[in-house]
Amino acid sequence: MRAVVQRVKSSKVEVDGKVISEIGNGLNVLLGICEGDTKDDIKYLKDKILNLRIFDEDEKMNLSLLDVEGELLVVSQFTLYGDCRKGRRPNFMRALGGNQSEELYLEFIRQCTEVISDVKTGIFGEDMQVYIQNDGPVTLLIDSKKDF
């Protein structure tokens, strides 16, 4: 399981020109799921993301999303498993598709809502426009298998 985590001033998701989710200060998480991912991967990523000390205090990154009572927006993004090493078209063979991927995505959301009451989301499998006002900018890549 992979995530692109961005500290944001604001972020929103639109589908068909309508805003379906919106947050202020917090984290925008683009979440990719691959074959072999389990609830252990979900727990690892959830714990890591919610407790990352990437919010500023006294000009240092000392505070987590929980510390600043920030908001969380999670958007599924299978393209995080695009393999671009060969050719010019990404290969998405490692990305988990369909119902299995959606179940793990929803479980990630569920586990996050156990800690943060209001987690915003995109719509799984939809064509979405995601607007991100990155703060810093701060962008981190996290992989539950620690591939990078």
N, C-alpha and C. Protein backbone atom coordinates (compact mmCIF):
# COMPACT_ATOMS: atom_id res chain seq x y z
N MET A 1 0.86 -1.17 0.00
CA MET A 1 0.00 0.00 0.00
C MET A 1 0.90 1.23 0.00
N ARG A 2 0.52 2.19 -0.81
CA ARG A 2 1.31 3.41 -0.96
C ARG A 2 0.45 4.63 -0.73
N ALA A 3 1.12 5.67 -0.24
CA ALA A 3 0.42 6.94 -0.06
C ALA A 3 1.33 8.10 -0.43
N VAL A 4 0.74 9.08 -1.08
CA VAL A 4 1.35 10.38 -1.26
C VAL A 4 0.64 11.27 -0.25
N VAL A 5 1.41 11.77 0.72
CA VAL A 5 0.85 12.56 1.81
C VAL A 5 1.28 14.01 1.62
N GLN A 6 0.30 14.91 1.54
CA GLN A 6 0.60 16.32 1.35
C GLN A 6 -0.04 17.14 2.46
N ARG A 7 0.81 17.96 3.09
CA ARG A 7 0.29 18.91 4.06
C ARG A 7 -0.37 20.03 3.28
N VAL A 8 -1.63 20.33 3.62
CA VAL A 8 -2.38 21.28 2.82
C VAL A 8 -3.01 22.39 3.66
N LYS A 9 -3.18 23.53 3.03
CA LYS A 9 -4.01 24.61 3.59
C LYS A 9 -5.46 24.33 3.29
N SER A 10 -5.69 23.70 2.10
CA SER A 10 -7.04 23.28 1.72
C SER A 10 -6.92 22.26 0.60
N SER A 11 -7.98 21.48 0.45
CA SER A 11 -8.05 20.50 -0.62
C SER A 11 -9.51 20.16 -0.85
N LYS A 12 -9.84 19.86 -2.11
CA LYS A 12 -11.22 19.48 -2.40
C LYS A 12 -11.24 18.51 -3.57
N VAL A 13 -12.34 17.77 -3.64
CA VAL A 13 -12.56 16.81 -4.72
C VAL A 13 -13.87 17.18 -5.41
N GLU A 14 -13.81 17.23 -6.74
CA GLU A 14 -15.01 17.46 -7.54
C GLU A 14 -15.27 16.26 -8.43
N VAL A 15 -16.55 15.93 -8.60
CA VAL A 15 -17.00 14.93 -9.55
C VAL A 15 -18.12 15.58 -10.36
N ASP A 16 -17.98 15.53 -11.67
CA ASP A 16 -18.97 16.16 -12.57
C ASP A 16 -19.20 17.63 -12.23
N GLY A 17 -18.14 18.34 -11.86
CA GLY A 17 -18.23 19.77 -11.57
C GLY A 17 -18.81 20.12 -10.21
N LYS A 18 -19.10 19.12 -9.38
CA LYS A 18 -19.67 19.38 -8.06
C LYS A 18 -18.68 18.97 -6.98
N VAL A 19 -18.50 19.85 -5.99
CA VAL A 19 -17.62 19.54 -4.86
C VAL A 19 -18.29 18.46 -4.02
N ILE A 20 -17.56 17.33 -3.82
CA ILE A 20 -18.12 16.26 -3.00
C ILE A 20 -17.44 16.15 -1.64
N SER A 21 -16.22 16.67 -1.55
CA SER A 21 -15.47 16.68 -0.28
C SER A 21 -14.54 17.87 -0.27
N GLU A 22 -14.34 18.41 0.94
CA GLU A 22 -13.47 19.58 1.06
C GLU A 22 -12.92 19.64 2.48
N ILE A 23 -11.63 19.99 2.59
CA ILE A 23 -11.02 20.18 3.90
C ILE A 23 -10.25 21.49 3.92
N GLY A 24 -9.96 21.94 5.14
CA GLY A 24 -9.06 23.07 5.35
C GLY A 24 -7.70 22.54 5.74
N ASN A 25 -7.10 23.10 6.75
CA ASN A 25 -5.77 22.71 7.21
C ASN A 25 -5.73 21.22 7.56
N GLY A 26 -4.79 20.50 6.96
CA GLY A 26 -4.69 19.08 7.25
C GLY A 26 -3.83 18.35 6.25
N LEU A 27 -4.25 17.11 5.93
CA LEU A 27 -3.51 16.25 5.02
C LEU A 27 -4.41 15.77 3.89
N ASN A 28 -3.86 15.83 2.68
CA ASN A 28 -4.46 15.18 1.53
C ASN A 28 -3.66 13.91 1.30
N VAL A 29 -4.35 12.76 1.27
CA VAL A 29 -3.68 11.47 1.09
C VAL A 29 -4.20 10.83 -0.19
N LEU A 30 -3.28 10.60 -1.13
CA LEU A 30 -3.59 9.83 -2.32
C LEU A 30 -3.16 8.40 -2.01
N LEU A 31 -4.09 7.44 -2.08
CA LEU A 31 -3.86 6.09 -1.60
C LEU A 31 -3.90 5.08 -2.73
N GLY A 32 -2.82 4.31 -2.87
CA GLY A 32 -2.75 3.24 -3.86
C GLY A 32 -2.69 1.90 -3.18
N ILE A 33 -3.37 0.92 -3.75
CA ILE A 33 -3.44 -0.42 -3.17
C ILE A 33 -2.95 -1.42 -4.21
N CYS A 34 -2.13 -2.37 -3.77
CA CYS A 34 -1.58 -3.35 -4.70
C CYS A 34 -1.93 -4.77 -4.26
N GLU A 35 -1.67 -5.69 -5.16
CA GLU A 35 -1.89 -7.10 -4.86
C GLU A 35 -1.09 -7.49 -3.63
N GLY A 36 -1.69 -8.25 -2.74
CA GLY A 36 -1.00 -8.71 -1.55
C GLY A 36 -1.17 -7.80 -0.34
N ASP A 37 -1.78 -6.63 -0.51
CA ASP A 37 -2.00 -5.74 0.63
C ASP A 37 -3.03 -6.35 1.58
N THR A 38 -2.81 -6.12 2.88
CA THR A 38 -3.67 -6.70 3.92
C THR A 38 -4.02 -5.63 4.94
N LYS A 39 -4.76 -6.05 5.96
CA LYS A 39 -5.09 -5.13 7.05
C LYS A 39 -3.85 -4.68 7.81
N ASP A 40 -2.79 -5.47 7.80
CA ASP A 40 -1.53 -5.04 8.41
C ASP A 40 -0.96 -3.83 7.69
N ASP A 41 -1.06 -3.81 6.36
CA ASP A 41 -0.59 -2.66 5.58
C ASP A 41 -1.43 -1.43 5.90
N ILE A 42 -2.73 -1.64 6.06
CA ILE A 42 -3.63 -0.53 6.40
C ILE A 42 -3.25 0.06 7.75
N LYS A 43 -3.07 -0.79 8.74
CA LYS A 43 -2.73 -0.32 10.09
C LYS A 43 -1.41 0.44 10.07
N TYR A 44 -0.41 -0.11 9.40
CA TYR A 44 0.90 0.56 9.34
C TYR A 44 0.76 1.95 8.74
N LEU A 45 0.08 2.03 7.58
CA LEU A 45 -0.03 3.31 6.89
C LEU A 45 -0.87 4.30 7.68
N LYS A 46 -1.97 3.84 8.24
CA LYS A 46 -2.83 4.73 9.05
C LYS A 46 -2.05 5.31 10.22
N ASP A 47 -1.37 4.44 10.97
CA ASP A 47 -0.60 4.90 12.13
C ASP A 47 0.50 5.88 11.71
N LYS A 48 1.19 5.56 10.64
CA LYS A 48 2.28 6.42 10.16
C LYS A 48 1.76 7.79 9.75
N ILE A 49 0.70 7.82 8.96
CA ILE A 49 0.17 9.08 8.43
C ILE A 49 -0.39 9.96 9.54
N LEU A 50 -1.20 9.40 10.41
CA LEU A 50 -1.85 10.21 11.44
C LEU A 50 -0.87 10.74 12.48
N ASN A 51 0.28 10.08 12.62
CA ASN A 51 1.25 10.49 13.63
C ASN A 51 2.51 11.14 13.08
N LEU A 52 2.59 11.33 11.76
CA LEU A 52 3.74 12.01 11.17
C LEU A 52 3.86 13.42 11.72
N ARG A 53 5.02 13.75 12.20
CA ARG A 53 5.25 15.10 12.74
C ARG A 53 5.70 16.01 11.61
N ILE A 54 4.73 16.56 10.89
CA ILE A 54 5.05 17.40 9.73
C ILE A 54 4.38 18.77 9.77
N PHE A 55 3.76 19.09 10.91
CA PHE A 55 3.19 20.42 11.08
C PHE A 55 4.12 21.24 11.96
N ASP A 56 4.22 22.53 11.65
CA ASP A 56 5.21 23.39 12.28
C ASP A 56 4.83 23.84 13.68
N GLU A 57 5.86 23.84 14.52
CA GLU A 57 5.80 24.43 15.85
C GLU A 57 7.18 25.01 16.10
N ASP A 58 7.24 26.30 16.37
CA ASP A 58 8.53 26.96 16.59
C ASP A 58 9.49 26.73 15.43
N GLU A 59 8.96 26.85 14.21
CA GLU A 59 9.74 26.73 12.98
C GLU A 59 10.35 25.36 12.78
N LYS A 60 9.81 24.34 13.41
CA LYS A 60 10.26 22.95 13.22
C LYS A 60 9.04 22.08 13.02
N MET A 61 9.23 21.00 12.29
CA MET A 61 8.14 20.03 12.11
C MET A 61 8.08 19.17 13.35
N ASN A 62 7.22 19.54 14.28
CA ASN A 62 7.13 18.84 15.56
C ASN A 62 5.75 18.26 15.85
N LEU A 63 4.74 18.66 15.09
CA LEU A 63 3.37 18.28 15.42
C LEU A 63 2.76 17.37 14.36
N SER A 64 1.89 16.47 14.80
CA SER A 64 1.19 15.57 13.89
C SER A 64 -0.19 16.13 13.54
N LEU A 65 -0.86 15.46 12.63
CA LEU A 65 -2.22 15.83 12.28
C LEU A 65 -3.11 15.79 13.52
N LEU A 66 -2.90 14.80 14.36
CA LEU A 66 -3.69 14.69 15.59
C LEU A 66 -3.41 15.86 16.53
N ASP A 67 -2.14 16.26 16.63
CA ASP A 67 -1.77 17.37 17.51
C ASP A 67 -2.44 18.68 17.11
N VAL A 68 -2.51 18.92 15.79
CA VAL A 68 -3.07 20.19 15.31
C VAL A 68 -4.57 20.10 15.04
N GLU A 69 -5.14 18.93 15.32
CA GLU A 69 -6.56 18.68 15.07
C GLU A 69 -6.93 19.04 13.63
N GLY A 70 -6.05 18.59 12.71
CA GLY A 70 -6.26 18.86 11.29
C GLY A 70 -7.28 17.93 10.67
N GLU A 71 -7.59 18.23 9.43
CA GLU A 71 -8.57 17.45 8.69
C GLU A 71 -7.85 16.48 7.74
N LEU A 72 -8.58 15.45 7.31
CA LEU A 72 -7.99 14.41 6.47
C LEU A 72 -8.89 14.16 5.27
N LEU A 73 -8.28 14.19 4.07
CA LEU A 73 -8.98 13.86 2.84
C LEU A 73 -8.22 12.71 2.18
N VAL A 74 -8.91 11.59 1.94
CA VAL A 74 -8.29 10.40 1.36
C VAL A 74 -8.93 10.13 0.00
N VAL A 75 -8.08 10.01 -1.03
CA VAL A 75 -8.53 9.78 -2.39
C VAL A 75 -7.82 8.54 -2.94
N SER A 76 -8.59 7.59 -3.46
CA SER A 76 -7.98 6.40 -4.05
C SER A 76 -7.27 6.78 -5.36
N GLN A 77 -6.10 6.17 -5.57
CA GLN A 77 -5.34 6.47 -6.78
C GLN A 77 -4.49 5.27 -7.19
N PHE A 78 -5.05 4.44 -8.05
CA PHE A 78 -4.35 3.23 -8.47
C PHE A 78 -3.09 3.54 -9.25
N THR A 79 -2.98 4.73 -9.83
CA THR A 79 -1.80 5.05 -10.63
C THR A 79 -0.52 5.15 -9.81
N LEU A 80 -0.63 5.12 -8.48
CA LEU A 80 0.58 5.11 -7.65
C LEU A 80 1.38 3.83 -7.86
N TYR A 81 0.74 2.82 -8.43
CA TYR A 81 1.44 1.58 -8.75
C TYR A 81 1.77 1.47 -10.24
N GLY A 82 1.78 2.58 -10.93
CA GLY A 82 2.20 2.58 -12.33
C GLY A 82 3.70 2.36 -12.42
N ASP A 83 4.11 1.35 -13.17
CA ASP A 83 5.52 1.03 -13.37
C ASP A 83 5.96 1.65 -14.70
N CYS A 84 6.86 2.61 -14.63
CA CYS A 84 7.29 3.35 -15.81
C CYS A 84 8.71 2.98 -16.25
N ARG A 85 9.23 1.87 -15.75
CA ARG A 85 10.62 1.52 -16.05
C ARG A 85 10.82 1.10 -17.50
N LYS A 86 9.82 0.50 -18.13
CA LYS A 86 9.95 0.05 -19.52
C LYS A 86 8.95 0.80 -20.38
N GLY A 87 9.37 1.12 -21.58
CA GLY A 87 8.47 1.73 -22.54
C GLY A 87 8.00 3.12 -22.12
N ARG A 88 6.92 3.53 -22.74
CA ARG A 88 6.40 4.87 -22.50
C ARG A 88 5.01 4.88 -21.90
N ARG A 89 4.41 3.72 -21.79
CA ARG A 89 3.08 3.62 -21.19
C ARG A 89 3.23 2.90 -19.85
N PRO A 90 2.74 3.49 -18.78
CA PRO A 90 2.86 2.83 -17.47
C PRO A 90 2.16 1.47 -17.46
N ASN A 91 2.74 0.55 -16.72
CA ASN A 91 2.17 -0.78 -16.52
C ASN A 91 1.53 -0.78 -15.13
N PHE A 92 0.26 -1.14 -15.05
CA PHE A 92 -0.46 -1.12 -13.77
C PHE A 92 -0.75 -2.52 -13.24
N MET A 93 0.06 -3.48 -13.62
CA MET A 93 -0.18 -4.88 -13.24
C MET A 93 -0.16 -5.10 -11.72
N ARG A 94 0.60 -4.34 -10.99
CA ARG A 94 0.67 -4.52 -9.53
C ARG A 94 -0.50 -3.90 -8.79
N ALA A 95 -1.20 -2.96 -9.43
CA ALA A 95 -2.34 -2.29 -8.78
C ALA A 95 -3.47 -3.30 -8.61
N LEU A 96 -4.03 -3.32 -7.42
CA LEU A 96 -5.17 -4.18 -7.14
C LEU A 96 -6.43 -3.48 -7.63
N GLY A 97 -7.27 -4.19 -8.33
CA GLY A 97 -8.46 -3.56 -8.88
C GLY A 97 -9.74 -4.07 -8.25
N GLY A 98 -10.83 -3.47 -8.71
CA GLY A 98 -12.16 -3.95 -8.38
C GLY A 98 -12.54 -3.94 -6.93
N ASN A 99 -13.39 -4.91 -6.58
CA ASN A 99 -13.99 -4.97 -5.25
C ASN A 99 -12.96 -5.15 -4.14
N GLN A 100 -11.92 -5.94 -4.39
CA GLN A 100 -10.89 -6.14 -3.36
C GLN A 100 -10.22 -4.83 -2.98
N SER A 101 -9.89 -4.04 -3.99
CA SER A 101 -9.23 -2.76 -3.74
C SER A 101 -10.18 -1.81 -3.00
N GLU A 102 -11.43 -1.78 -3.41
CA GLU A 102 -12.39 -0.91 -2.76
C GLU A 102 -12.59 -1.30 -1.30
N GLU A 103 -12.62 -2.60 -1.02
CA GLU A 103 -12.77 -3.06 0.36
C GLU A 103 -11.62 -2.58 1.24
N LEU A 104 -10.39 -2.68 0.73
CA LEU A 104 -9.23 -2.23 1.50
C LEU A 104 -9.24 -0.71 1.66
N TYR A 105 -9.63 0.00 0.62
CA TYR A 105 -9.75 1.46 0.69
C TYR A 105 -10.75 1.86 1.77
N LEU A 106 -11.92 1.22 1.77
CA LEU A 106 -12.95 1.53 2.76
C LEU A 106 -12.51 1.14 4.17
N GLU A 107 -11.73 0.07 4.28
CA GLU A 107 -11.21 -0.32 5.60
C GLU A 107 -10.20 0.72 6.10
N PHE A 108 -9.37 1.25 5.20
CA PHE A 108 -8.44 2.31 5.58
C PHE A 108 -9.23 3.51 6.12
N ILE A 109 -10.29 3.90 5.41
CA ILE A 109 -11.13 5.02 5.85
C ILE A 109 -11.74 4.71 7.22
N ARG A 110 -12.27 3.51 7.37
CA ARG A 110 -12.90 3.11 8.64
C ARG A 110 -11.92 3.21 9.79
N GLN A 111 -10.70 2.69 9.59
CA GLN A 111 -9.70 2.74 10.66
C GLN A 111 -9.29 4.18 10.98
N CYS A 112 -9.22 5.03 9.98
CA CYS A 112 -8.90 6.44 10.23
C CYS A 112 -10.01 7.11 11.03
N THR A 113 -11.27 6.77 10.75
CA THR A 113 -12.39 7.40 11.45
C THR A 113 -12.48 6.94 12.91
N GLU A 114 -11.78 5.88 13.25
CA GLU A 114 -11.71 5.48 14.67
C GLU A 114 -10.88 6.47 15.46
N VAL A 115 -10.00 7.19 14.76
CA VAL A 115 -9.10 8.15 15.41
C VAL A 115 -9.54 9.59 15.16
N ILE A 116 -9.94 9.88 13.93
CA ILE A 116 -10.41 11.20 13.52
C ILE A 116 -11.86 11.04 13.12
N SER A 117 -12.75 11.75 13.78
CA SER A 117 -14.18 11.51 13.57
C SER A 117 -14.67 11.83 12.17
N ASP A 118 -14.11 12.83 11.52
CA ASP A 118 -14.62 13.26 10.23
C ASP A 118 -13.54 13.15 9.16
N VAL A 119 -13.51 12.03 8.46
CA VAL A 119 -12.56 11.80 7.38
C VAL A 119 -13.30 12.01 6.07
N LYS A 120 -12.77 12.88 5.23
CA LYS A 120 -13.38 13.14 3.93
C LYS A 120 -12.74 12.21 2.89
N THR A 121 -13.52 11.92 1.83
CA THR A 121 -13.03 10.99 0.81
C THR A 121 -13.43 11.46 -0.57
N GLY A 122 -12.77 10.83 -1.54
CA GLY A 122 -13.23 10.92 -2.92
C GLY A 122 -14.26 9.82 -3.12
N ILE A 123 -14.58 9.54 -4.38
CA ILE A 123 -15.49 8.44 -4.70
C ILE A 123 -14.67 7.38 -5.43
N PHE A 124 -14.59 6.21 -4.84
CA PHE A 124 -13.77 5.14 -5.38
C PHE A 124 -14.15 4.85 -6.83
N GLY A 125 -13.13 4.81 -7.70
CA GLY A 125 -13.32 4.44 -9.09
C GLY A 125 -13.87 5.52 -10.00
N GLU A 126 -14.17 6.67 -9.47
CA GLU A 126 -14.72 7.77 -10.27
C GLU A 126 -13.60 8.62 -10.86
N ASP A 127 -13.94 9.33 -11.94
CA ASP A 127 -13.06 10.34 -12.50
C ASP A 127 -13.24 11.59 -11.64
N MET A 128 -12.18 11.99 -10.96
CA MET A 128 -12.27 13.10 -10.01
C MET A 128 -11.27 14.19 -10.37
N GLN A 129 -11.61 15.41 -10.01
CA GLN A 129 -10.66 16.51 -10.04
C GLN A 129 -10.30 16.79 -8.59
N VAL A 130 -9.01 16.73 -8.30
CA VAL A 130 -8.54 16.94 -6.93
C VAL A 130 -7.73 18.24 -6.91
N TYR A 131 -8.16 19.16 -6.08
CA TYR A 131 -7.50 20.47 -5.94
C TYR A 131 -6.75 20.46 -4.62
N ILE A 132 -5.46 20.74 -4.70
CA ILE A 132 -4.60 20.66 -3.52
C ILE A 132 -3.82 21.96 -3.38
N GLN A 133 -4.02 22.65 -2.27
CA GLN A 133 -3.22 23.81 -1.95
C GLN A 133 -2.16 23.35 -0.96
N ASN A 134 -1.03 22.89 -1.50
CA ASN A 134 0.03 22.30 -0.70
C ASN A 134 0.65 23.38 0.18
N ASP A 135 0.88 23.04 1.44
CA ASP A 135 1.43 23.97 2.43
C ASP A 135 2.89 23.65 2.64
N GLY A 136 3.75 24.54 2.22
CA GLY A 136 5.18 24.35 2.44
C GLY A 136 6.01 24.58 1.19
N PRO A 137 5.97 23.73 0.22
CA PRO A 137 5.21 22.50 0.10
C PRO A 137 5.83 21.36 0.91
N VAL A 138 4.97 20.54 1.47
CA VAL A 138 5.39 19.32 2.17
C VAL A 138 4.68 18.16 1.50
N THR A 139 5.45 17.28 0.88
CA THR A 139 4.92 16.09 0.22
C THR A 139 5.82 14.91 0.57
N LEU A 140 5.21 13.83 1.06
CA LEU A 140 5.96 12.65 1.46
C LEU A 140 5.38 11.40 0.80
N LEU A 141 6.25 10.46 0.49
CA LEU A 141 5.85 9.18 -0.07
C LEU A 141 6.03 8.11 1.00
N ILE A 142 5.00 7.30 1.21
CA ILE A 142 5.07 6.25 2.22
C ILE A 142 4.61 4.95 1.57
N ASP A 143 5.35 3.89 1.81
CA ASP A 143 5.03 2.57 1.28
C ASP A 143 5.04 1.57 2.42
N SER A 144 3.95 0.83 2.59
CA SER A 144 3.86 -0.12 3.71
C SER A 144 4.87 -1.25 3.58
N LYS A 145 5.31 -1.53 2.36
CA LYS A 145 6.33 -2.58 2.15
C LYS A 145 7.74 -2.01 2.22
N LYS A 146 7.80 -0.70 2.43
CA LYS A 146 9.07 0.04 2.51
C LYS A 146 9.92 -0.16 1.25
N ASP A 147 9.24 -0.13 0.08
CA ASP A 147 9.93 -0.29 -1.20
C ASP A 147 10.77 0.93 -1.56
N PHE A 148 10.51 2.05 -0.91
CA PHE A 148 11.34 3.25 -1.13
C PHE A 148 11.39 4.05 0.13
